Protein backbone atom coordinates (compact mmCIF):
# COMPACT_ATOMS: atom_id res chain seq x y z
CA MET A 1 0.00 0.00 0.00
CA ARG A 2 1.32 3.43 -0.90
CA PRO A 3 2.07 5.91 1.90
CA LEU A 4 -0.48 8.66 2.43
CA PHE A 5 1.84 11.40 1.16
CA THR A 6 2.37 9.55 -2.12
CA VAL A 7 -1.39 9.36 -2.68
CA VAL A 8 -1.65 13.08 -1.95
CA LEU A 9 1.07 13.77 -4.48
CA ILE A 10 -0.58 11.63 -7.13
CA ALA A 11 -3.80 13.56 -6.62
CA THR A 12 -2.04 16.90 -6.94
CA PHE A 13 1.29 16.89 -8.75
CA VAL A 14 1.05 14.28 -11.48
CA VAL A 15 -1.98 15.87 -13.06
CA ALA A 16 -0.68 19.36 -12.25
CA ALA A 17 2.54 18.77 -14.14
CA SER A 18 0.71 17.56 -17.22
CA ALA A 19 -1.83 20.40 -16.99
CA ILE A 20 0.93 23.00 -16.91
CA GLY A 21 2.84 21.54 -19.84
CA ILE A 22 6.38 22.33 -20.91
CA ALA A 23 6.22 26.13 -20.69
CA GLN A 24 6.54 27.15 -17.06
CA PRO A 25 4.86 30.46 -16.25
CA GLU A 26 5.96 32.32 -13.12
CA LYS A 27 2.55 31.88 -11.55
CA PRO A 28 -0.20 29.35 -12.21
CA GLY A 29 -2.00 30.08 -15.45
CA ASP A 30 -5.62 29.66 -16.43
CA GLU A 31 -5.03 26.13 -17.73
CA PHE A 32 -3.82 25.02 -14.28
CA ARG A 33 -6.64 26.78 -12.47
CA GLU A 34 -9.28 25.24 -14.75
CA GLU A 35 -7.89 21.72 -14.31
CA PHE A 36 -7.97 21.98 -10.52
CA LYS A 37 -10.84 24.37 -9.91
CA PRO A 38 -13.25 22.56 -7.61
CA SER A 39 -16.86 23.35 -6.87
CA GLU A 40 -16.21 24.99 -3.51
CA ILE A 41 -18.38 24.08 -0.57
CA GLY A 42 -20.28 26.72 1.36
CA ASP A 43 -18.55 30.08 1.60
CA ALA A 44 -15.12 28.45 0.91
CA ILE A 45 -13.71 30.14 4.03
CA VAL A 46 -11.12 28.31 6.13
CA VAL A 47 -11.31 29.31 9.79
CA PRO A 48 -8.28 27.86 11.62
CA GLY A 49 -9.18 25.31 14.24
CA GLU A 50 -12.91 25.60 13.46
CA ARG A 51 -14.26 25.02 9.97
CA ILE A 52 -13.89 24.90 6.22
CA GLY A 53 -17.15 26.09 4.68
CA PRO A 54 -19.88 24.00 6.35
CA LEU A 55 -17.46 21.30 7.58
CA ARG A 56 -16.65 21.79 11.26
CA LEU A 57 -14.18 20.07 13.53
CA GLY A 58 -16.14 18.07 16.05
CA MET A 59 -18.68 16.84 13.49
CA THR A 60 -19.06 13.11 13.30
CA LEU A 61 -18.10 11.31 10.12
CA ALA A 62 -21.79 10.79 9.35
CA GLN A 63 -22.44 14.53 9.73
CA LEU A 64 -19.51 15.37 7.44
CA ILE A 65 -20.72 12.95 4.79
CA ARG A 66 -24.25 14.39 4.97
CA ALA A 67 -22.86 17.94 4.60
CA MET A 68 -21.02 16.99 1.39
CA PRO A 69 -22.34 16.05 -2.06
CA SER A 70 -22.48 12.33 -2.81
CA GLY A 71 -19.59 10.62 -4.49
CA TYR A 72 -16.53 10.36 -2.27
CA LYS A 73 -13.50 8.10 -2.47
CA ARG A 74 -12.36 6.26 0.67
CA ASP A 75 -8.78 5.02 1.20
CA VAL A 76 -7.57 3.06 4.22
CA PHE A 77 -3.94 3.39 5.32
CA GLU A 78 -3.55 0.59 7.85
CA LYS A 79 0.08 1.29 8.74
CA GLU A 80 -0.71 4.94 9.55
CA ASN A 81 -4.11 4.04 11.08
CA ILE A 82 -5.82 6.64 8.88
CA ILE A 83 -8.94 6.61 6.75
CA LEU A 84 -8.96 9.31 4.09
CA PHE A 85 -12.17 10.53 2.46
CA GLU A 86 -11.79 12.54 -0.74
CA TRP A 87 -14.34 14.65 -2.56
CA ARG A 88 -12.19 15.46 -5.61
CA LYS A 89 -14.79 17.58 -7.40
CA GLU A 90 -15.04 19.85 -4.33
CA GLY A 91 -11.31 19.69 -3.50
CA VAL A 92 -11.83 18.29 0.01
CA TRP A 93 -9.97 15.68 2.06
CA VAL A 94 -11.10 14.49 5.49
CA SER A 95 -8.64 12.41 7.51
CA ILE A 96 -10.16 10.14 10.16
CA ASP A 97 -8.39 8.20 12.92
CA GLY A 98 -8.74 4.55 11.95
CA GLN A 99 -9.46 3.36 15.48
CA SER A 100 -11.56 6.07 17.14
CA ARG A 101 -13.12 7.33 13.88
CA ALA A 102 -12.54 10.90 15.11
CA VAL A 103 -11.74 13.62 12.58
CA ARG A 104 -7.99 14.32 12.56
CA LEU A 105 -7.84 16.89 9.81
CA ILE A 106 -10.08 18.62 7.26
CA SER A 107 -8.26 19.93 4.19
CA VAL A 108 -8.90 21.57 0.85
CA PHE A 109 -6.65 21.29 -2.19
CA GLY A 110 -6.25 22.40 -5.78
CA ALA A 111 -6.77 25.78 -7.40
CA GLY A 112 -10.20 26.72 -6.10
CA ALA A 113 -11.32 29.84 -4.30
CA TYR A 114 -10.74 28.43 -0.80
CA LYS A 115 -9.05 30.96 1.46
CA THR A 116 -8.50 31.55 5.14
CA ASP A 117 -10.42 34.11 7.13
CA LYS A 118 -7.31 36.31 6.75
CA GLY A 119 -7.41 36.06 2.95
CA LEU A 120 -4.59 33.54 2.33
CA ALA A 121 -5.67 31.38 -0.60
CA LEU A 122 -4.69 28.18 -2.32
CA LEU A 123 -1.78 28.80 -4.74
CA ASN A 124 -0.53 31.79 -2.75
CA THR A 125 3.21 31.70 -2.06
CA GLU A 126 4.99 30.53 1.06
CA SER A 127 6.28 34.08 1.58
CA LYS A 128 2.70 35.39 1.60
CA MET A 129 1.80 32.70 4.16
CA GLU A 130 4.60 33.95 6.40
CA SER A 131 3.55 37.58 5.95
CA VAL A 132 -0.01 36.69 7.04
CA TYR A 133 0.65 34.13 9.80
CA GLY A 134 4.28 34.71 10.78
CA ARG A 135 7.19 32.33 11.16
CA ASP A 136 6.21 30.66 14.42
CA TYR A 137 5.36 27.27 12.91
CA LYS A 138 6.53 23.67 12.77
CA ARG A 139 8.03 22.73 9.42
CA TYR A 140 8.37 19.19 8.05
CA GLU A 141 10.30 18.50 4.86
CA TYR A 142 9.46 15.58 2.59
CA PRO A 143 11.83 16.08 -0.38
CA GLU A 144 11.18 12.62 -1.81
CA ASP A 145 7.46 13.49 -1.94
CA ARG A 146 8.13 17.07 -3.08
CA ILE A 147 6.18 18.69 -0.27
CA THR A 148 6.78 20.81 2.80
CA LEU A 149 4.22 20.62 5.58
CA VAL A 150 3.86 23.76 7.71
CA ARG A 151 1.77 23.67 10.89
CA TYR A 152 0.66 26.54 13.08
CA VAL A 153 -0.21 24.26 16.00
CA PRO A 154 -1.72 26.86 18.39
CA LEU A 155 -4.09 27.96 15.60
CA GLY A 156 -5.01 24.49 14.36
CA LEU A 157 -3.90 25.36 10.82
CA HIS A 158 -1.60 23.69 8.31
CA PHE A 159 -0.39 24.24 4.78
CA GLY A 160 1.07 21.85 2.24
CA ILE A 161 3.57 23.68 0.05
CA ALA A 162 4.83 22.29 -3.25
CA ASN A 163 8.58 21.61 -3.23
CA TYR A 164 8.86 20.98 -6.96
CA PRO A 165 11.61 23.19 -8.49
CA SER A 166 11.17 21.78 -12.00
CA GLN A 167 7.54 22.95 -11.98
CA ARG A 168 7.98 26.67 -11.32
CA ALA A 169 4.26 27.36 -11.64
CA ILE A 170 3.54 25.42 -8.44
CA HIS A 171 6.90 25.38 -6.63
CA GLY A 172 6.73 27.24 -3.30
CA ARG A 173 2.95 27.59 -3.54
CA ILE A 174 0.23 26.39 -1.19
CA PHE A 175 -1.56 23.37 -2.64
CA THR A 176 -3.49 22.39 0.48
CA ILE A 177 -4.89 24.19 3.53
CA GLY A 178 -6.04 22.15 6.50
CA ILE A 179 -7.49 22.56 9.97
CA PHE A 180 -7.19 20.53 13.15
CA THR A 181 -7.95 21.02 16.84
CA PRO A 182 -5.87 24.01 18.06
CA GLY A 183 -2.90 22.96 20.17
CA LYS A 184 -3.36 19.27 19.33
CA GLU A 185 -1.16 18.53 16.36
CA PRO A 186 -2.32 15.39 14.54
CA PRO A 187 0.32 12.68 14.28
CA LEU A 188 2.41 12.79 11.13
CA ALA A 189 1.60 10.07 8.65
CA LYS A 190 5.28 9.71 7.81
CA THR A 191 8.63 10.60 9.39
CA PRO A 192 10.01 13.79 7.83
CA SER A 193 13.49 13.95 6.28
CA LYS A 194 16.28 15.50 8.30
């Protein structure tokens, strides 16, 4: 079974690289945005440690599923003890603890209009993230998976940043925004590189 981060990369980078093509614009172009533009849920606002659109931390899995359109994909990662629900059309991932069935993390991905309550949006740069939220975060590097995970633990907020130098259109940009219970960092699915 593939590690969780590899599945995330397949869902984001493989298609992204082909959507961008050979010419590498300095920022994501319309062709990238159209390929990964989801049908956002609710108001598309990410409130750290609370909600993404109508999806709230503390909801049960059944409540989350009822709040979303039908048609999700479910993957089980036994080694990591994680169940991942994906609504690709809406650009939503929900990570559930495999044993307790509690929500670990709610995330959005792609090139949609999702943004935090402070205006930081998907595909914004890492430097913009730091200008909005500061540098007081935990940083985890996964060079083999071409991602950097940044977590603002006291806020219950995390960002997945593309570490893909050969794809300048997405390198250093936010490809996922997630929320978790403030102060309670979810376990990492994989040990970061040193």
